[in-house]
Amino acid sequence: MGEDHYVFVQFGHNDEVSSKEQHTTEEQFVTNLETFVEETRDRGAKAVLLTPIARRHFDEDGELKDTHRVYSELIRDVARTRDVPLIDADERSQSLLGELGPERSKSLYNHLPPGEHPNYPDGVADNTHFSESGARQMAELVLDGVEALDLELAAHVVRDNQ
């Protein structure tokens, strides 16, 4: 790892869920992020922080719920205090999901009817993990963030449609 390298750091999905083994307290979470940033910089590389991508969770009125509010804000705070570039994937993905709405946004996530895929014989309705097309769309949001930050890396971005 050296000066031409970037390290993209994105945590929060599992850290914030208190019932998961990977749960970390807010204090531990911040310490971990700061450690990643410091160790990346100590090796001469450039850290970029990302907030977690939104879960697909709409309320009964069709409004998207902000499921990462606390941990996303912790990441934003570390980015500000440590002067680290930030790609706000949470905000960007919430915007996309809000535009698509409850039904159309299903296509971005792992939603399969029974019998369609051998790994999910009974079907699946997963609002956290992406379908292939959803993963590609989320990657595009990250590339948009790289370009918006005007990172040197942006000069090397090649999109599928180019």
N, C-alpha and C. Protein backbone atom coordinates (compact mmCIF):
# COMPACT_ATOMS: atom_id res chain seq x y z
N MET A 1 0.86 -1.17 0.00
CA MET A 1 0.00 0.00 0.00
C MET A 1 0.90 1.23 0.00
N GLY A 2 0.58 2.17 -0.89
CA GLY A 2 1.40 3.36 -0.99
C GLY A 2 0.61 4.57 -1.42
N GLU A 3 1.33 5.62 -1.85
CA GLU A 3 0.70 6.92 -2.09
C GLU A 3 -0.28 6.93 -3.25
N ASP A 4 -0.19 6.00 -4.17
CA ASP A 4 -1.14 5.95 -5.28
C ASP A 4 -2.37 5.10 -4.97
N HIS A 5 -2.45 4.60 -3.76
CA HIS A 5 -3.54 3.70 -3.39
C HIS A 5 -4.63 4.42 -2.59
N TYR A 6 -5.83 3.93 -2.80
CA TYR A 6 -7.00 4.40 -2.04
C TYR A 6 -7.55 3.24 -1.23
N VAL A 7 -8.02 3.53 -0.04
CA VAL A 7 -8.69 2.54 0.79
C VAL A 7 -10.08 3.09 1.09
N PHE A 8 -11.09 2.40 0.57
CA PHE A 8 -12.47 2.79 0.80
C PHE A 8 -12.97 2.03 2.02
N VAL A 9 -13.44 2.78 3.02
CA VAL A 9 -13.85 2.20 4.30
C VAL A 9 -15.35 2.44 4.48
N GLN A 10 -16.11 1.35 4.52
CA GLN A 10 -17.56 1.46 4.70
C GLN A 10 -18.01 0.39 5.68
N PHE A 11 -18.50 0.84 6.81
CA PHE A 11 -19.06 -0.05 7.82
C PHE A 11 -20.37 0.54 8.32
N GLY A 12 -21.08 -0.24 9.10
CA GLY A 12 -22.30 0.27 9.73
C GLY A 12 -23.46 -0.69 9.68
N HIS A 13 -23.59 -1.46 8.58
CA HIS A 13 -24.75 -2.35 8.46
C HIS A 13 -24.85 -3.31 9.64
N ASN A 14 -23.79 -4.00 9.94
CA ASN A 14 -23.82 -4.98 11.03
C ASN A 14 -23.45 -4.35 12.36
N ASP A 15 -22.60 -3.33 12.32
CA ASP A 15 -22.14 -2.69 13.56
C ASP A 15 -23.30 -2.12 14.37
N GLU A 16 -24.30 -1.57 13.68
CA GLU A 16 -25.38 -0.87 14.37
C GLU A 16 -26.47 -1.78 14.91
N VAL A 17 -26.49 -3.05 14.51
CA VAL A 17 -27.56 -3.96 14.93
C VAL A 17 -27.14 -4.65 16.22
N SER A 18 -27.79 -4.28 17.31
CA SER A 18 -27.37 -4.75 18.63
C SER A 18 -27.51 -6.26 18.80
N SER A 19 -28.35 -6.90 18.02
CA SER A 19 -28.53 -8.35 18.14
C SER A 19 -27.48 -9.15 17.37
N LYS A 20 -26.67 -8.49 16.57
CA LYS A 20 -25.65 -9.19 15.78
C LYS A 20 -24.35 -9.31 16.56
N GLU A 21 -23.64 -10.39 16.28
CA GLU A 21 -22.34 -10.62 16.91
C GLU A 21 -21.35 -9.50 16.58
N GLN A 22 -21.47 -8.93 15.38
CA GLN A 22 -20.56 -7.88 14.93
C GLN A 22 -20.90 -6.50 15.49
N HIS A 23 -21.93 -6.40 16.31
CA HIS A 23 -22.33 -5.10 16.85
C HIS A 23 -21.17 -4.43 17.58
N THR A 24 -21.04 -3.14 17.34
CA THR A 24 -20.08 -2.33 18.09
C THR A 24 -20.82 -1.13 18.66
N THR A 25 -20.39 -0.68 19.82
CA THR A 25 -20.98 0.52 20.39
C THR A 25 -20.59 1.71 19.52
N GLU A 26 -21.26 2.81 19.70
CA GLU A 26 -20.93 4.01 18.93
C GLU A 26 -19.48 4.42 19.17
N GLU A 27 -19.03 4.35 20.42
CA GLU A 27 -17.65 4.71 20.75
C GLU A 27 -16.66 3.77 20.06
N GLN A 28 -16.92 2.47 20.11
CA GLN A 28 -16.05 1.50 19.44
C GLN A 28 -16.04 1.74 17.93
N PHE A 29 -17.19 2.04 17.38
CA PHE A 29 -17.32 2.26 15.95
C PHE A 29 -16.44 3.43 15.51
N VAL A 30 -16.52 4.54 16.22
CA VAL A 30 -15.70 5.71 15.89
C VAL A 30 -14.21 5.38 16.03
N THR A 31 -13.85 4.70 17.10
CA THR A 31 -12.45 4.31 17.31
C THR A 31 -11.96 3.44 16.16
N ASN A 32 -12.78 2.49 15.74
CA ASN A 32 -12.40 1.61 14.63
C ASN A 32 -12.20 2.41 13.34
N LEU A 33 -13.11 3.32 13.03
CA LEU A 33 -12.97 4.14 11.83
C LEU A 33 -11.69 4.97 11.88
N GLU A 34 -11.45 5.60 13.02
CA GLU A 34 -10.25 6.43 13.17
C GLU A 34 -8.99 5.58 13.02
N THR A 35 -9.02 4.36 13.51
CA THR A 35 -7.87 3.46 13.37
C THR A 35 -7.63 3.12 11.90
N PHE A 36 -8.69 2.82 11.17
CA PHE A 36 -8.53 2.53 9.74
C PHE A 36 -7.94 3.73 9.01
N VAL A 37 -8.42 4.92 9.31
CA VAL A 37 -7.91 6.13 8.67
C VAL A 37 -6.44 6.33 9.01
N GLU A 38 -6.09 6.24 10.28
CA GLU A 38 -4.70 6.45 10.70
C GLU A 38 -3.77 5.41 10.08
N GLU A 39 -4.16 4.15 10.10
CA GLU A 39 -3.29 3.10 9.55
C GLU A 39 -3.14 3.24 8.04
N THR A 40 -4.19 3.66 7.37
CA THR A 40 -4.11 3.90 5.93
C THR A 40 -3.14 5.04 5.65
N ARG A 41 -3.27 6.12 6.37
CA ARG A 41 -2.39 7.27 6.17
C ARG A 41 -0.95 6.95 6.56
N ASP A 42 -0.77 6.17 7.62
CA ASP A 42 0.59 5.78 8.04
C ASP A 42 1.31 5.02 6.93
N ARG A 43 0.56 4.35 6.08
CA ARG A 43 1.15 3.59 4.99
C ARG A 43 1.23 4.41 3.70
N GLY A 44 0.86 5.68 3.79
CA GLY A 44 0.98 6.57 2.65
C GLY A 44 -0.20 6.55 1.69
N ALA A 45 -1.21 5.77 1.99
CA ALA A 45 -2.38 5.68 1.10
C ALA A 45 -3.43 6.72 1.51
N LYS A 46 -4.46 6.82 0.69
CA LYS A 46 -5.54 7.78 0.91
C LYS A 46 -6.80 7.05 1.35
N ALA A 47 -7.33 7.43 2.49
CA ALA A 47 -8.58 6.85 2.98
C ALA A 47 -9.76 7.64 2.42
N VAL A 48 -10.83 6.93 2.12
CA VAL A 48 -12.10 7.52 1.73
C VAL A 48 -13.16 6.81 2.57
N LEU A 49 -13.95 7.57 3.31
CA LEU A 49 -15.02 6.98 4.12
C LEU A 49 -16.33 6.99 3.33
N LEU A 50 -17.12 5.94 3.53
CA LEU A 50 -18.44 5.84 2.93
C LEU A 50 -19.45 5.51 4.02
N THR A 51 -20.59 6.16 3.97
CA THR A 51 -21.68 5.77 4.84
C THR A 51 -22.31 4.50 4.26
N PRO A 52 -23.01 3.71 5.07
CA PRO A 52 -23.61 2.48 4.55
C PRO A 52 -24.74 2.78 3.56
N ILE A 53 -24.90 1.90 2.62
CA ILE A 53 -25.98 2.02 1.64
C ILE A 53 -27.30 1.70 2.33
N ALA A 54 -28.33 2.43 1.96
CA ALA A 54 -29.64 2.32 2.61
C ALA A 54 -30.24 0.93 2.48
N ARG A 55 -30.88 0.51 3.54
CA ARG A 55 -31.73 -0.68 3.47
C ARG A 55 -33.05 -0.26 2.82
N ARG A 56 -33.67 -1.18 2.14
CA ARG A 56 -34.97 -0.92 1.53
C ARG A 56 -36.04 -1.17 2.57
N HIS A 57 -36.42 -0.09 3.28
CA HIS A 57 -37.40 -0.23 4.35
C HIS A 57 -38.36 0.96 4.27
N PHE A 58 -39.51 0.71 3.68
CA PHE A 58 -40.54 1.75 3.53
C PHE A 58 -41.60 1.57 4.60
N ASP A 59 -42.15 2.69 5.07
CA ASP A 59 -43.23 2.60 6.05
C ASP A 59 -44.57 2.37 5.33
N GLU A 60 -45.64 2.30 6.10
CA GLU A 60 -46.96 2.01 5.53
C GLU A 60 -47.46 3.10 4.59
N ASP A 61 -46.87 4.29 4.66
CA ASP A 61 -47.24 5.38 3.76
C ASP A 61 -46.35 5.44 2.53
N GLY A 62 -45.44 4.47 2.39
CA GLY A 62 -44.55 4.45 1.23
C GLY A 62 -43.34 5.35 1.36
N GLU A 63 -43.07 5.83 2.57
CA GLU A 63 -41.90 6.68 2.80
C GLU A 63 -40.73 5.83 3.25
N LEU A 64 -39.56 6.10 2.69
CA LEU A 64 -38.36 5.35 3.06
C LEU A 64 -37.92 5.74 4.46
N LYS A 65 -37.63 4.74 5.28
CA LYS A 65 -37.15 4.99 6.64
C LYS A 65 -35.63 5.08 6.62
N ASP A 66 -35.09 5.98 7.41
CA ASP A 66 -33.64 6.14 7.54
C ASP A 66 -33.15 5.14 8.57
N THR A 67 -32.63 4.01 8.11
CA THR A 67 -32.24 2.94 9.02
C THR A 67 -30.80 3.04 9.52
N HIS A 68 -30.04 3.99 8.98
CA HIS A 68 -28.63 4.12 9.38
C HIS A 68 -28.31 5.47 10.01
N ARG A 69 -29.30 6.19 10.44
CA ARG A 69 -29.12 7.59 10.87
C ARG A 69 -27.94 7.78 11.82
N VAL A 70 -27.88 7.04 12.91
CA VAL A 70 -26.86 7.26 13.94
C VAL A 70 -25.47 6.92 13.43
N TYR A 71 -25.31 5.74 12.84
CA TYR A 71 -23.97 5.33 12.43
C TYR A 71 -23.49 6.10 11.20
N SER A 72 -24.41 6.48 10.32
CA SER A 72 -24.01 7.34 9.19
C SER A 72 -23.50 8.68 9.70
N GLU A 73 -24.18 9.23 10.69
CA GLU A 73 -23.73 10.52 11.24
C GLU A 73 -22.37 10.38 11.92
N LEU A 74 -22.12 9.26 12.56
CA LEU A 74 -20.80 9.03 13.17
C LEU A 74 -19.71 9.02 12.09
N ILE A 75 -20.00 8.41 10.96
CA ILE A 75 -19.03 8.38 9.85
C ILE A 75 -18.82 9.79 9.32
N ARG A 76 -19.89 10.54 9.15
CA ARG A 76 -19.76 11.93 8.68
C ARG A 76 -18.90 12.75 9.65
N ASP A 77 -19.11 12.54 10.95
CA ASP A 77 -18.32 13.26 11.96
C ASP A 77 -16.84 12.92 11.86
N VAL A 78 -16.51 11.64 11.71
CA VAL A 78 -15.11 11.24 11.59
C VAL A 78 -14.51 11.85 10.32
N ALA A 79 -15.26 11.84 9.23
CA ALA A 79 -14.77 12.44 7.99
C ALA A 79 -14.45 13.93 8.20
N ARG A 80 -15.34 14.63 8.90
CA ARG A 80 -15.11 16.07 9.16
C ARG A 80 -13.92 16.29 10.08
N THR A 81 -13.88 15.58 11.19
CA THR A 81 -12.84 15.85 12.19
C THR A 81 -11.47 15.36 11.76
N ARG A 82 -11.42 14.34 10.93
CA ARG A 82 -10.13 13.78 10.47
C ARG A 82 -9.78 14.21 9.05
N ASP A 83 -10.59 15.09 8.47
CA ASP A 83 -10.36 15.60 7.12
C ASP A 83 -10.19 14.46 6.12
N VAL A 84 -11.20 13.60 6.08
CA VAL A 84 -11.19 12.45 5.19
C VAL A 84 -12.30 12.65 4.15
N PRO A 85 -12.00 12.42 2.87
CA PRO A 85 -13.07 12.50 1.87
C PRO A 85 -14.20 11.53 2.24
N LEU A 86 -15.43 11.97 1.98
CA LEU A 86 -16.61 11.18 2.33
C LEU A 86 -17.51 11.02 1.11
N ILE A 87 -17.90 9.79 0.86
CA ILE A 87 -18.96 9.50 -0.10
C ILE A 87 -20.18 9.11 0.73
N ASP A 88 -21.20 9.92 0.67
CA ASP A 88 -22.39 9.67 1.48
C ASP A 88 -23.31 8.71 0.72
N ALA A 89 -22.93 7.43 0.74
CA ALA A 89 -23.69 6.40 0.04
C ALA A 89 -25.09 6.24 0.63
N ASP A 90 -25.23 6.50 1.91
CA ASP A 90 -26.54 6.42 2.56
C ASP A 90 -27.48 7.45 1.93
N GLU A 91 -27.03 8.68 1.88
CA GLU A 91 -27.85 9.75 1.31
C GLU A 91 -28.14 9.50 -0.16
N ARG A 92 -27.11 9.11 -0.91
CA ARG A 92 -27.28 8.87 -2.35
C ARG A 92 -28.25 7.71 -2.61
N SER A 93 -28.11 6.63 -1.85
CA SER A 93 -28.98 5.48 -2.07
C SER A 93 -30.40 5.75 -1.57
N GLN A 94 -30.54 6.51 -0.49
CA GLN A 94 -31.89 6.89 -0.04
C GLN A 94 -32.60 7.70 -1.12
N SER A 95 -31.87 8.58 -1.76
CA SER A 95 -32.46 9.39 -2.82
C SER A 95 -32.94 8.50 -3.97
N LEU A 96 -32.11 7.55 -4.37
CA LEU A 96 -32.49 6.64 -5.45
C LEU A 96 -33.71 5.81 -5.06
N LEU A 97 -33.70 5.24 -3.86
CA LEU A 97 -34.83 4.42 -3.42
C LEU A 97 -36.11 5.25 -3.32
N GLY A 98 -35.98 6.48 -2.83
CA GLY A 98 -37.13 7.36 -2.74
C GLY A 98 -37.73 7.65 -4.11
N GLU A 99 -36.86 7.85 -5.11
CA GLU A 99 -37.33 8.09 -6.48
C GLU A 99 -38.06 6.86 -7.03
N LEU A 100 -37.52 5.68 -6.75
CA LEU A 100 -38.09 4.45 -7.29
C LEU A 100 -39.36 4.02 -6.56
N GLY A 101 -39.41 4.29 -5.26
CA GLY A 101 -40.57 3.90 -4.47
C GLY A 101 -40.54 2.45 -4.05
N PRO A 102 -41.54 2.04 -3.25
CA PRO A 102 -41.54 0.70 -2.66
C PRO A 102 -41.51 -0.45 -3.68
N GLU A 103 -42.27 -0.36 -4.74
CA GLU A 103 -42.35 -1.49 -5.68
C GLU A 103 -41.15 -1.54 -6.62
N ARG A 104 -40.85 -0.45 -7.29
CA ARG A 104 -39.76 -0.48 -8.28
C ARG A 104 -38.41 -0.72 -7.62
N SER A 105 -38.23 -0.32 -6.37
CA SER A 105 -36.94 -0.50 -5.69
C SER A 105 -36.65 -1.97 -5.38
N LYS A 106 -37.67 -2.82 -5.38
CA LYS A 106 -37.46 -4.25 -5.11
C LYS A 106 -36.44 -4.85 -6.07
N SER A 107 -36.42 -4.37 -7.31
CA SER A 107 -35.52 -4.95 -8.31
C SER A 107 -34.05 -4.75 -7.97
N LEU A 108 -33.74 -3.80 -7.10
CA LEU A 108 -32.35 -3.55 -6.70
C LEU A 108 -31.87 -4.54 -5.66
N TYR A 109 -32.79 -5.17 -4.97
CA TYR A 109 -32.46 -6.03 -3.84
C TYR A 109 -32.76 -7.49 -4.18
N ASN A 110 -32.35 -8.35 -3.29
CA ASN A 110 -32.46 -9.78 -3.50
C ASN A 110 -33.89 -10.25 -3.20
N HIS A 111 -34.77 -10.04 -4.16
CA HIS A 111 -36.17 -10.47 -4.06
C HIS A 111 -36.43 -11.48 -5.16
N LEU A 112 -36.66 -12.73 -4.76
CA LEU A 112 -36.89 -13.80 -5.72
C LEU A 112 -38.09 -14.63 -5.31
N PRO A 113 -38.94 -14.99 -6.27
CA PRO A 113 -40.07 -15.87 -5.94
C PRO A 113 -39.58 -17.31 -5.76
N PRO A 114 -40.38 -18.14 -5.12
CA PRO A 114 -40.00 -19.55 -4.94
C PRO A 114 -39.69 -20.22 -6.29
N GLY A 115 -38.63 -21.05 -6.28
CA GLY A 115 -38.27 -21.82 -7.45
C GLY A 115 -37.47 -21.10 -8.51
N GLU A 116 -37.21 -19.81 -8.34
CA GLU A 116 -36.49 -19.07 -9.38
C GLU A 116 -34.98 -19.26 -9.30
N HIS A 117 -34.45 -19.49 -8.11
CA HIS A 117 -33.00 -19.63 -7.95
C HIS A 117 -32.71 -20.81 -7.03
N PRO A 118 -31.72 -21.65 -7.41
CA PRO A 118 -31.45 -22.85 -6.60
C PRO A 118 -30.99 -22.54 -5.17
N ASN A 119 -30.39 -21.39 -4.95
CA ASN A 119 -29.96 -21.03 -3.59
C ASN A 119 -31.13 -20.63 -2.70
N TYR A 120 -32.25 -20.31 -3.32
CA TYR A 120 -33.43 -19.86 -2.57
C TYR A 120 -34.67 -20.61 -3.07
N PRO A 121 -34.74 -21.91 -2.82
CA PRO A 121 -35.87 -22.69 -3.35
C PRO A 121 -37.23 -22.18 -2.86
N ASP A 122 -37.26 -21.59 -1.66
CA ASP A 122 -38.51 -21.06 -1.11
C ASP A 122 -38.70 -19.58 -1.41
N GLY A 123 -37.79 -19.01 -2.21
CA GLY A 123 -37.82 -17.58 -2.50
C GLY A 123 -37.11 -16.80 -1.41
N VAL A 124 -36.98 -15.50 -1.62
CA VAL A 124 -36.32 -14.64 -0.64
C VAL A 124 -36.83 -13.21 -0.81
N ALA A 125 -36.91 -12.49 0.29
CA ALA A 125 -37.24 -11.06 0.29
C ALA A 125 -36.23 -10.38 1.20
N ASP A 126 -35.08 -10.03 0.63
CA ASP A 126 -33.95 -9.48 1.36
C ASP A 126 -33.81 -8.01 1.00
N ASN A 127 -34.03 -7.13 1.95
CA ASN A 127 -33.99 -5.69 1.70
C ASN A 127 -32.67 -5.05 2.09
N THR A 128 -31.64 -5.87 2.29
CA THR A 128 -30.30 -5.38 2.61
C THR A 128 -29.31 -5.70 1.50
N HIS A 129 -29.38 -6.92 0.96
CA HIS A 129 -28.40 -7.37 -0.03
C HIS A 129 -28.97 -7.19 -1.44
N PHE A 130 -28.08 -6.91 -2.38
CA PHE A 130 -28.50 -6.48 -3.72
C PHE A 130 -28.60 -7.62 -4.72
N SER A 131 -29.44 -7.38 -5.71
CA SER A 131 -29.43 -8.17 -6.93
C SER A 131 -28.20 -7.70 -7.72
N GLU A 132 -27.87 -8.40 -8.80
CA GLU A 132 -26.72 -7.96 -9.60
C GLU A 132 -26.94 -6.55 -10.15
N SER A 133 -28.12 -6.30 -10.68
CA SER A 133 -28.37 -4.96 -11.23
C SER A 133 -28.38 -3.91 -10.13
N GLY A 134 -28.86 -4.26 -8.94
CA GLY A 134 -28.83 -3.33 -7.82
C GLY A 134 -27.42 -3.02 -7.38
N ALA A 135 -26.57 -4.05 -7.35
CA ALA A 135 -25.17 -3.84 -6.98
C ALA A 135 -24.49 -2.91 -7.98
N ARG A 136 -24.80 -3.09 -9.25
CA ARG A 136 -24.22 -2.21 -10.27
C ARG A 136 -24.70 -0.76 -10.09
N GLN A 137 -25.98 -0.59 -9.78
CA GLN A 137 -26.49 0.77 -9.58
C GLN A 137 -25.86 1.42 -8.35
N MET A 138 -25.68 0.65 -7.29
CA MET A 138 -25.04 1.20 -6.09
C MET A 138 -23.58 1.53 -6.38
N ALA A 139 -22.91 0.71 -7.17
CA ALA A 139 -21.53 1.01 -7.56
C ALA A 139 -21.47 2.31 -8.36
N GLU A 140 -22.46 2.55 -9.20
CA GLU A 140 -22.52 3.80 -9.96
C GLU A 140 -22.64 5.00 -9.01
N LEU A 141 -23.41 4.84 -7.93
CA LEU A 141 -23.53 5.93 -6.95
C LEU A 141 -22.18 6.22 -6.30
N VAL A 142 -21.41 5.17 -6.04
CA VAL A 142 -20.07 5.36 -5.46
C VAL A 142 -19.16 6.05 -6.48
N LEU A 143 -19.23 5.63 -7.74
CA LEU A 143 -18.44 6.29 -8.78
C LEU A 143 -18.82 7.76 -8.91
N ASP A 144 -20.11 8.06 -8.81
CA ASP A 144 -20.55 9.46 -8.80
C ASP A 144 -19.88 10.22 -7.66
N GLY A 145 -19.78 9.57 -6.50
CA GLY A 145 -19.13 10.19 -5.35
C GLY A 145 -17.65 10.42 -5.57
N VAL A 146 -16.97 9.46 -6.19
CA VAL A 146 -15.54 9.61 -6.51
C VAL A 146 -15.36 10.82 -7.42
N GLU A 147 -16.21 10.93 -8.43
CA GLU A 147 -16.12 12.06 -9.36
C GLU A 147 -16.47 13.37 -8.67
N ALA A 148 -17.48 13.38 -7.82
CA ALA A 148 -17.88 14.61 -7.13
C ALA A 148 -16.78 15.12 -6.20
N LEU A 149 -16.03 14.19 -5.61
CA LEU A 149 -14.91 14.58 -4.73
C LEU A 149 -13.69 15.02 -5.53
N ASP A 150 -13.72 14.77 -6.83
CA ASP A 150 -12.60 15.10 -7.72
C ASP A 150 -11.31 14.43 -7.25
N LEU A 151 -11.43 13.19 -6.81
CA LEU A 151 -10.25 12.42 -6.42
C LEU A 151 -9.44 12.12 -7.67
N GLU A 152 -8.13 11.99 -7.53
CA GLU A 152 -7.28 11.64 -8.67
C GLU A 152 -7.77 10.36 -9.33
N LEU A 153 -8.30 9.49 -8.54
CA LEU A 153 -8.83 8.22 -9.02
C LEU A 153 -9.94 8.41 -10.05
N ALA A 154 -10.64 9.53 -10.01
CA ALA A 154 -11.76 9.78 -10.92
C ALA A 154 -11.33 9.74 -12.38
N ALA A 155 -10.09 10.09 -12.65
CA ALA A 155 -9.58 10.07 -14.03
C ALA A 155 -9.54 8.66 -14.60
N HIS A 156 -9.61 7.67 -13.74
CA HIS A 156 -9.52 6.27 -14.18
C HIS A 156 -10.86 5.55 -14.16
N VAL A 157 -11.92 6.28 -13.85
CA VAL A 157 -13.25 5.67 -13.80
C VAL A 157 -13.72 5.38 -15.22
N VAL A 158 -14.10 4.14 -15.45
CA VAL A 158 -14.67 3.73 -16.73
C VAL A 158 -16.04 3.13 -16.43
N ARG A 159 -17.04 3.68 -17.07
CA ARG A 159 -18.40 3.21 -16.83
C ARG A 159 -18.82 2.25 -17.94
N ASP A 160 -19.77 1.39 -17.62
CA ASP A 160 -20.27 0.42 -18.60
C ASP A 160 -20.78 1.08 -19.87
N ASN A 161 -21.37 2.25 -19.74
CA ASN A 161 -21.98 2.91 -20.90
C ASN A 161 -21.01 3.80 -21.67
N GLN A 162 -19.73 3.75 -21.34
CA GLN A 162 -18.75 4.59 -22.05
C GLN A 162 -18.07 3.81 -23.14
